[in-house]
């Protein structure tokens, strides 16, 4: 497994520390879970931005999408 070092604000560290104490889980387990839950959203967002910035992008109306999806 890779090792990653990050600096976080003290208030976030204290909140994470309290959560760790309450749940008896590790900091790493929470951080991994949070990254897994949010990384795909960030990836999707950047894909969408890249597509919006394409010069030859084709935009569809709601009606065209419904027709294409047969709904």
PDB file of N, CA and C in Angstrom:
ATOM      1  N   UNK A   1       0.847  -1.181   0.000  1.00  0.00           N
ATOM      2  CA  UNK A   1       0.000   0.000   0.000  1.00  0.00           C
ATOM      3  C   UNK A   1       0.889   1.239   0.000  1.00  0.00           C
ATOM      4  N   UNK A   2       0.473   2.256  -0.750  1.00  0.00           N
ATOM      5  CA  UNK A   2       1.237   3.502  -0.830  1.00  0.00           C
ATOM      6  C   UNK A   2       1.049   4.322   0.435  1.00  0.00           C
ATOM      7  N   UNK A   3       2.043   5.148   0.725  1.00  0.00           N
ATOM      8  CA  UNK A   3       1.990   6.041   1.882  1.00  0.00           C
ATOM      9  C   UNK A   3       1.827   7.461   1.364  1.00  0.00           C
ATOM     10  N   UNK A   4       0.916   8.213   1.971  1.00  0.00           N
ATOM     11  CA  UNK A   4       0.647   9.589   1.578  1.00  0.00           C
ATOM     12  C   UNK A   4       0.681  10.455   2.831  1.00  0.00           C
ATOM     13  N   UNK A   5       1.410  11.536   2.774  1.00  0.00           N
ATOM     14  CA  UNK A   5       1.469  12.468   3.894  1.00  0.00           C
ATOM     15  C   UNK A   5       0.742  13.737   3.490  1.00  0.00           C
ATOM     16  N   UNK A   6      -0.180  14.182   4.330  1.00  0.00           N
ATOM     17  CA  UNK A   6      -0.926  15.415   4.054  1.00  0.00           C
ATOM     18  C   UNK A   6      -0.942  16.298   5.288  1.00  0.00           C
ATOM     19  N   UNK A   7      -1.068  17.577   5.052  1.00  0.00           N
ATOM     20  CA  UNK A   7      -1.225  18.539   6.149  1.00  0.00           C
ATOM     21  C   UNK A   7      -2.684  18.986   6.136  1.00  0.00           C
ATOM     22  N   UNK A   8      -3.323  18.916   7.290  1.00  0.00           N
ATOM     23  CA  UNK A   8      -4.714  19.346   7.395  1.00  0.00           C
ATOM     24  C   UNK A   8      -4.832  20.373   8.513  1.00  0.00           C
ATOM     25  N   UNK A   9      -5.842  21.228   8.429  1.00  0.00           N
ATOM     26  CA  UNK A   9      -6.051  22.211   9.492  1.00  0.00           C
ATOM     27  C   UNK A   9      -6.278  21.509  10.841  1.00  0.00           C
ATOM     28  N   UNK A  10      -5.864  22.175  11.877  1.00  0.00           N
ATOM     29  CA  UNK A  10      -5.954  21.601  13.230  1.00  0.00           C
ATOM     30  C   UNK A  10      -7.387  21.216  13.598  1.00  0.00           C
ATOM     31  N   UNK A  11      -8.361  22.039  13.207  1.00  0.00           N
ATOM     32  CA  UNK A  11      -9.751  21.726  13.559  1.00  0.00           C
ATOM     33  C   UNK A  11     -10.210  20.418  12.916  1.00  0.00           C
ATOM     34  N   UNK A  12      -9.774  20.134  11.670  1.00  0.00           N
ATOM     35  CA  UNK A  12     -10.132  18.868  11.037  1.00  0.00           C
ATOM     36  C   UNK A  12      -9.443  17.700  11.730  1.00  0.00           C
ATOM     37  N   UNK A  13      -8.207  17.918  12.110  1.00  0.00           N
ATOM     38  CA  UNK A  13      -7.472  16.865  12.810  1.00  0.00           C
ATOM     39  C   UNK A  13      -8.155  16.517  14.128  1.00  0.00           C
ATOM     40  N   UNK A  14      -8.590  17.517  14.879  1.00  0.00           N
ATOM     41  CA  UNK A  14      -9.267  17.268  16.157  1.00  0.00           C
ATOM     42  C   UNK A  14     -10.587  16.530  15.951  1.00  0.00           C
ATOM     43  N   UNK A  15     -11.330  16.913  14.920  1.00  0.00           N
ATOM     44  CA  UNK A  15     -12.592  16.217  14.625  1.00  0.00           C
ATOM     45  C   UNK A  15     -12.345  14.768  14.263  1.00  0.00           C
ATOM     46  N   UNK A  16     -11.341  14.523  13.436  1.00  0.00           N
ATOM     47  CA  UNK A  16     -11.000  13.159  13.042  1.00  0.00           C
ATOM     48  C   UNK A  16     -10.536  12.364  14.253  1.00  0.00           C
ATOM     49  N   UNK A  17      -9.732  12.974  15.089  1.00  0.00           N
ATOM     50  CA  UNK A  17      -9.230  12.304  16.293  1.00  0.00           C
ATOM     51  C   UNK A  17     -10.384  11.893  17.215  1.00  0.00           C
ATOM     52  N   UNK A  18     -11.355  12.785  17.400  1.00  0.00           N
ATOM     53  CA  UNK A  18     -12.528  12.451  18.237  1.00  0.00           C
ATOM     54  C   UNK A  18     -13.318  11.299  17.645  1.00  0.00           C
ATOM     55  N   UNK A  19     -13.480  11.313  16.336  1.00  0.00           N
ATOM     56  CA  UNK A  19     -14.215  10.244  15.664  1.00  0.00           C
ATOM     57  C   UNK A  19     -13.491   8.910  15.824  1.00  0.00           C
ATOM     58  N   UNK A  20     -12.183   8.941  15.683  1.00  0.00           N
ATOM     59  CA  UNK A  20     -11.370   7.732  15.858  1.00  0.00           C
ATOM     60  C   UNK A  20     -11.537   7.178  17.271  1.00  0.00           C
ATOM     61  N   UNK A  21     -11.500   8.054  18.248  1.00  0.00           N
ATOM     62  CA  UNK A  21     -11.649   7.624  19.643  1.00  0.00           C
ATOM     63  C   UNK A  21     -13.028   7.024  19.908  1.00  0.00           C
ATOM     64  N   UNK A  22     -14.065   7.624  19.343  1.00  0.00           N
ATOM     65  CA  UNK A  22     -15.430   7.131  19.546  1.00  0.00           C
ATOM     66  C   UNK A  22     -15.672   5.789  18.874  1.00  0.00           C
ATOM     67  N   UNK A  23     -15.081   5.596  17.718  1.00  0.00           N
ATOM     68  CA  UNK A  23     -15.402   4.419  16.911  1.00  0.00           C
ATOM     69  C   UNK A  23     -14.373   3.303  17.001  1.00  0.00           C
ATOM     70  N   UNK A  24     -13.202   3.607  17.568  1.00  0.00           N
ATOM     71  CA  UNK A  24     -12.110   2.619  17.655  1.00  0.00           C
ATOM     72  C   UNK A  24     -11.611   2.194  16.276  1.00  0.00           C
ATOM     73  N   UNK A  25     -11.805   3.049  15.284  1.00  0.00           N
ATOM     74  CA  UNK A  25     -11.255   2.813  13.945  1.00  0.00           C
ATOM     75  C   UNK A  25      -9.990   3.644  13.790  1.00  0.00           C
ATOM     76  N   UNK A  26      -9.264   3.396  12.726  1.00  0.00           N
ATOM     77  CA  UNK A  26      -8.045   4.162  12.500  1.00  0.00           C
ATOM     78  C   UNK A  26      -8.332   5.405  11.662  1.00  0.00           C
ATOM     79  N   UNK A  27      -7.428   6.367  11.769  1.00  0.00           N
ATOM     80  CA  UNK A  27      -7.530   7.563  10.927  1.00  0.00           C
ATOM     81  C   UNK A  27      -7.473   7.159   9.459  1.00  0.00           C
ATOM     82  N   UNK A  28      -6.564   6.250   9.163  1.00  0.00           N
ATOM     83  CA  UNK A  28      -6.412   5.808   7.777  1.00  0.00           C
ATOM     84  C   UNK A  28      -7.694   5.213   7.217  1.00  0.00           C
ATOM     85  N   UNK A  29      -8.397   4.427   8.025  1.00  0.00           N
ATOM     86  CA  UNK A  29      -9.627   3.800   7.525  1.00  0.00           C
ATOM     87  C   UNK A  29     -10.668   4.856   7.158  1.00  0.00           C
ATOM     88  N   UNK A  30     -10.775   5.904   7.972  1.00  0.00           N
ATOM     89  CA  UNK A  30     -11.715   6.980   7.658  1.00  0.00           C
ATOM     90  C   UNK A  30     -11.289   7.748   6.412  1.00  0.00           C
ATOM     91  N   UNK A  31     -10.014   8.059   6.324  1.00  0.00           N
ATOM     92  CA  UNK A  31      -9.529   8.844   5.197  1.00  0.00           C
ATOM     93  C   UNK A  31      -9.679   8.065   3.896  1.00  0.00           C
ATOM     94  N   UNK A  32      -9.346   6.774   3.917  1.00  0.00           N
ATOM     95  CA  UNK A  32      -9.519   5.946   2.721  1.00  0.00           C
ATOM     96  C   UNK A  32     -10.986   5.905   2.311  1.00  0.00           C
ATOM     97  N   UNK A  33     -11.871   5.722   3.276  1.00  0.00           N
ATOM     98  CA  UNK A  33     -13.311   5.673   2.987  1.00  0.00           C
ATOM     99  C   UNK A  33     -13.789   6.994   2.382  1.00  0.00           C
ATOM    100  N   UNK A  34     -13.335   8.102   2.942  1.00  0.00           N
ATOM    101  CA  UNK A  34     -13.746   9.413   2.436  1.00  0.00           C
ATOM    102  C   UNK A  34     -13.236   9.644   1.015  1.00  0.00           C
ATOM    103  N   UNK A  35     -12.011   9.246   0.752  1.00  0.00           N
ATOM    104  CA  UNK A  35     -11.461   9.399  -0.600  1.00  0.00           C
ATOM    105  C   UNK A  35     -12.239   8.530  -1.585  1.00  0.00           C
ATOM    106  N   UNK A  36     -12.493   7.278  -1.210  1.00  0.00           N
ATOM    107  CA  UNK A  36     -13.238   6.378  -2.095  1.00  0.00           C
ATOM    108  C   UNK A  36     -14.621   6.920  -2.414  1.00  0.00           C
ATOM    109  N   UNK A  37     -15.288   7.517  -1.422  1.00  0.00           N
ATOM    110  CA  UNK A  37     -16.645   8.016  -1.614  1.00  0.00           C
ATOM    111  C   UNK A  37     -16.692   9.284  -2.467  1.00  0.00           C
ATOM    112  N   UNK A  38     -15.606  10.037  -2.520  1.00  0.00           N
ATOM    113  CA  UNK A  38     -15.631  11.325  -3.208  1.00  0.00           C
ATOM    114  C   UNK A  38     -14.793  11.396  -4.476  1.00  0.00           C
ATOM    115  N   UNK A  39     -13.839  10.521  -4.641  1.00  0.00           N
ATOM    116  CA  UNK A  39     -12.928  10.593  -5.778  1.00  0.00           C
ATOM    117  C   UNK A  39     -13.655  10.473  -7.108  1.00  0.00           C
ATOM    118  N   UNK A  40     -14.621   9.573  -7.195  1.00  0.00           N
ATOM    119  CA  UNK A  40     -15.345   9.385  -8.453  1.00  0.00           C
ATOM    120  C   UNK A  40     -16.103  10.652  -8.848  1.00  0.00           C
ATOM    121  N   UNK A  41     -16.673  11.349  -7.869  1.00  0.00           N
ATOM    122  CA  UNK A  41     -17.377  12.599  -8.167  1.00  0.00           C
ATOM    123  C   UNK A  41     -16.420  13.632  -8.763  1.00  0.00           C
ATOM    124  N   UNK A  42     -15.232  13.755  -8.213  1.00  0.00           N
ATOM    125  CA  UNK A  42     -14.238  14.682  -8.748  1.00  0.00           C
ATOM    126  C   UNK A  42     -13.815  14.273 -10.152  1.00  0.00           C
ATOM    127  N   UNK A  43     -13.569  12.978 -10.347  1.00  0.00           N
ATOM    128  CA  UNK A  43     -13.190  12.486 -11.673  1.00  0.00           C
ATOM    129  C   UNK A  43     -14.279  12.803 -12.692  1.00  0.00           C
ATOM    130  N   UNK A  44     -15.538  12.529 -12.334  1.00  0.00           N
ATOM    131  CA  UNK A  44     -16.662  12.815 -13.232  1.00  0.00           C
ATOM    132  C   UNK A  44     -16.764  14.306 -13.539  1.00  0.00           C
ATOM    133  N   UNK A  45     -16.551  15.134 -12.532  1.00  0.00           N
ATOM    134  CA  UNK A  45     -16.615  16.579 -12.726  1.00  0.00           C
ATOM    135  C   UNK A  45     -15.566  17.070 -13.703  1.00  0.00           C
ATOM    136  N   UNK A  46     -14.355  16.547 -13.588  1.00  0.00           N
ATOM    137  CA  UNK A  46     -13.299  16.971 -14.505  1.00  0.00           C
ATOM    138  C   UNK A  46     -13.518  16.440 -15.913  1.00  0.00           C
ATOM    139  N   UNK A  47     -14.080  15.255 -16.038  1.00  0.00           N
ATOM    140  CA  UNK A  47     -14.433  14.738 -17.362  1.00  0.00           C
ATOM    141  C   UNK A  47     -15.476  15.656 -18.005  1.00  0.00           C
ATOM    142  N   UNK A  48     -16.478  16.053 -17.219  1.00  0.00           N
ATOM    143  CA  UNK A  48     -17.521  16.945 -17.733  1.00  0.00           C
ATOM    144  C   UNK A  48     -16.922  18.277 -18.181  1.00  0.00           C
ATOM    145  N   UNK A  49     -16.005  18.837 -17.383  1.00  0.00           N
ATOM    146  CA  UNK A  49     -15.366  20.105 -17.767  1.00  0.00           C
ATOM    147  C   UNK A  49     -14.558  19.951 -19.048  1.00  0.00           C
ATOM    148  N   UNK A  50     -13.837  18.848 -19.172  1.00  0.00           N
ATOM    149  CA  UNK A  50     -13.070  18.614 -20.391  1.00  0.00           C
ATOM    150  C   UNK A  50     -13.990  18.553 -21.606  1.00  0.00           C
ATOM    151  N   UNK A  51     -15.114  17.879 -21.452  1.00  0.00           N
ATOM    152  CA  UNK A  51     -16.053  17.760 -22.568  1.00  0.00           C
ATOM    153  C   UNK A  51     -16.680  19.104 -22.912  1.00  0.00           C
ATOM    154  N   UNK A  52     -16.973  19.917 -21.899  1.00  0.00           N
ATOM    155  CA  UNK A  52     -17.535  21.239 -22.159  1.00  0.00           C
ATOM    156  C   UNK A  52     -16.552  22.134 -22.901  1.00  0.00           C
ATOM    157  N   UNK A  53     -15.270  21.910 -22.678  1.00  0.00           N
ATOM    158  CA  UNK A  53     -14.240  22.737 -23.310  1.00  0.00           C
ATOM    159  C   UNK A  53     -13.813  22.240 -24.683  1.00  0.00           C
ATOM    160  N   UNK A  54     -14.346  21.109 -25.128  1.00  0.00           N
ATOM    161  CA  UNK A  54     -14.012  20.614 -26.460  1.00  0.00           C
ATOM    162  C   UNK A  54     -14.585  21.560 -27.513  1.00  0.00           C
ATOM    163  N   UNK A  55     -13.778  21.878 -28.508  1.00  0.00           N
ATOM    164  CA  UNK A  55     -14.215  22.829 -29.535  1.00  0.00           C
ATOM    165  C   UNK A  55     -15.361  22.292 -30.381  1.00  0.00           C
ATOM    166  N   UNK A  56     -15.369  21.009 -30.655  1.00  0.00           N
ATOM    167  CA  UNK A  56     -16.397  20.426 -31.512  1.00  0.00           C
ATOM    168  C   UNK A  56     -17.477  19.690 -30.717  1.00  0.00           C
ATOM    169  N   UNK A  57     -17.667  20.094 -29.466  1.00  0.00           N
ATOM    170  CA  UNK A  57     -18.659  19.434 -28.623  1.00  0.00           C
ATOM    171  C   UNK A  57     -20.055  19.627 -29.197  1.00  0.00           C
ATOM    172  N   UNK A  58     -20.864  18.589 -29.092  1.00  0.00           N
ATOM    173  CA  UNK A  58     -22.248  18.645 -29.565  1.00  0.00           C
ATOM    174  C   UNK A  58     -23.158  18.620 -28.348  1.00  0.00           C
ATOM    175  N   UNK A  59     -24.036  19.592 -28.244  1.00  0.00           N
ATOM    176  CA  UNK A  59     -24.952  19.691 -27.113  1.00  0.00           C
ATOM    177  C   UNK A  59     -26.344  19.282 -27.566  1.00  0.00           C
ATOM    178  N   UNK A  60     -26.999  18.485 -26.751  1.00  0.00           N
ATOM    179  CA  UNK A  60     -28.327  17.989 -27.086  1.00  0.00           C
ATOM    180  C   UNK A  60     -29.384  18.659 -26.213  1.00  0.00           C
ATOM    181  N   UNK A  61     -30.568  18.828 -26.780  1.00  0.00           N
ATOM    182  CA  UNK A  61     -31.690  19.327 -25.997  1.00  0.00           C
ATOM    183  C   UNK A  61     -32.267  18.155 -25.206  1.00  0.00           C
ATOM    184  N   UNK A  62     -33.119  18.467 -24.257  1.00  0.00           N
ATOM    185  CA  UNK A  62     -33.772  17.417 -23.479  1.00  0.00           C
ATOM    186  C   UNK A  62     -34.559  16.491 -24.392  1.00  0.00           C
ATOM    187  N   UNK A  63     -35.225  17.073 -25.374  1.00  0.00           N
ATOM    188  CA  UNK A  63     -36.011  16.271 -26.308  1.00  0.00           C
ATOM    189  C   UNK A  63     -35.113  15.316 -27.107  1.00  0.00           C
ATOM    190  N   UNK A  64     -33.968  15.792 -27.538  1.00  0.00           N
ATOM    191  CA  UNK A  64     -33.041  14.946 -28.296  1.00  0.00           C
ATOM    192  C   UNK A  64     -32.504  13.798 -27.438  1.00  0.00           C
ATOM    193  N   UNK A  65     -32.226  14.085 -26.190  1.00  0.00           N
ATOM    194  CA  UNK A  65     -31.740  13.030 -25.281  1.00  0.00           C
ATOM    195  C   UNK A  65     -32.826  11.994 -25.065  1.00  0.00           C
ATOM    196  N   UNK A  66     -34.051  12.450 -24.810  1.00  0.00           N
ATOM    197  CA  UNK A  66     -35.168  11.516 -24.615  1.00  0.00           C
ATOM    198  C   UNK A  66     -35.378  10.651 -25.850  1.00  0.00           C
ATOM    199  N   UNK A  67     -35.276  11.253 -27.014  1.00  0.00           N
ATOM    200  CA  UNK A  67     -35.438  10.505 -28.251  1.00  0.00           C
ATOM    201  C   UNK A  67     -34.310   9.478 -28.407  1.00  0.00           C
ATOM    202  N   UNK A  68     -33.105   9.919 -28.122  1.00  0.00           N
ATOM    203  CA  UNK A  68     -31.934   9.032 -28.227  1.00  0.00           C
ATOM    204  C   UNK A  68     -32.050   7.842 -27.260  1.00  0.00           C
ATOM    205  N   UNK A  69     -32.567   8.107 -26.067  1.00  0.00           N
ATOM    206  CA  UNK A  69     -32.698   7.051 -25.054  1.00  0.00           C
ATOM    207  C   UNK A  69     -34.039   6.315 -25.136  1.00  0.00           C
ATOM    208  N   UNK A  70     -34.879   6.765 -26.057  1.00  0.00           N
ATOM    209  CA  UNK A  70     -36.210   6.175 -26.249  1.00  0.00           C
ATOM    210  C   UNK A  70     -37.032   6.174 -24.963  1.00  0.00           C
ATOM    211  N   UNK A  71     -37.081   7.354 -24.333  1.00  0.00           N
ATOM    212  CA  UNK A  71     -37.895   7.495 -23.114  1.00  0.00           C
ATOM    213  C   UNK A  71     -38.966   8.548 -23.297  1.00  0.00           C
TER     214      UNK A  71
END
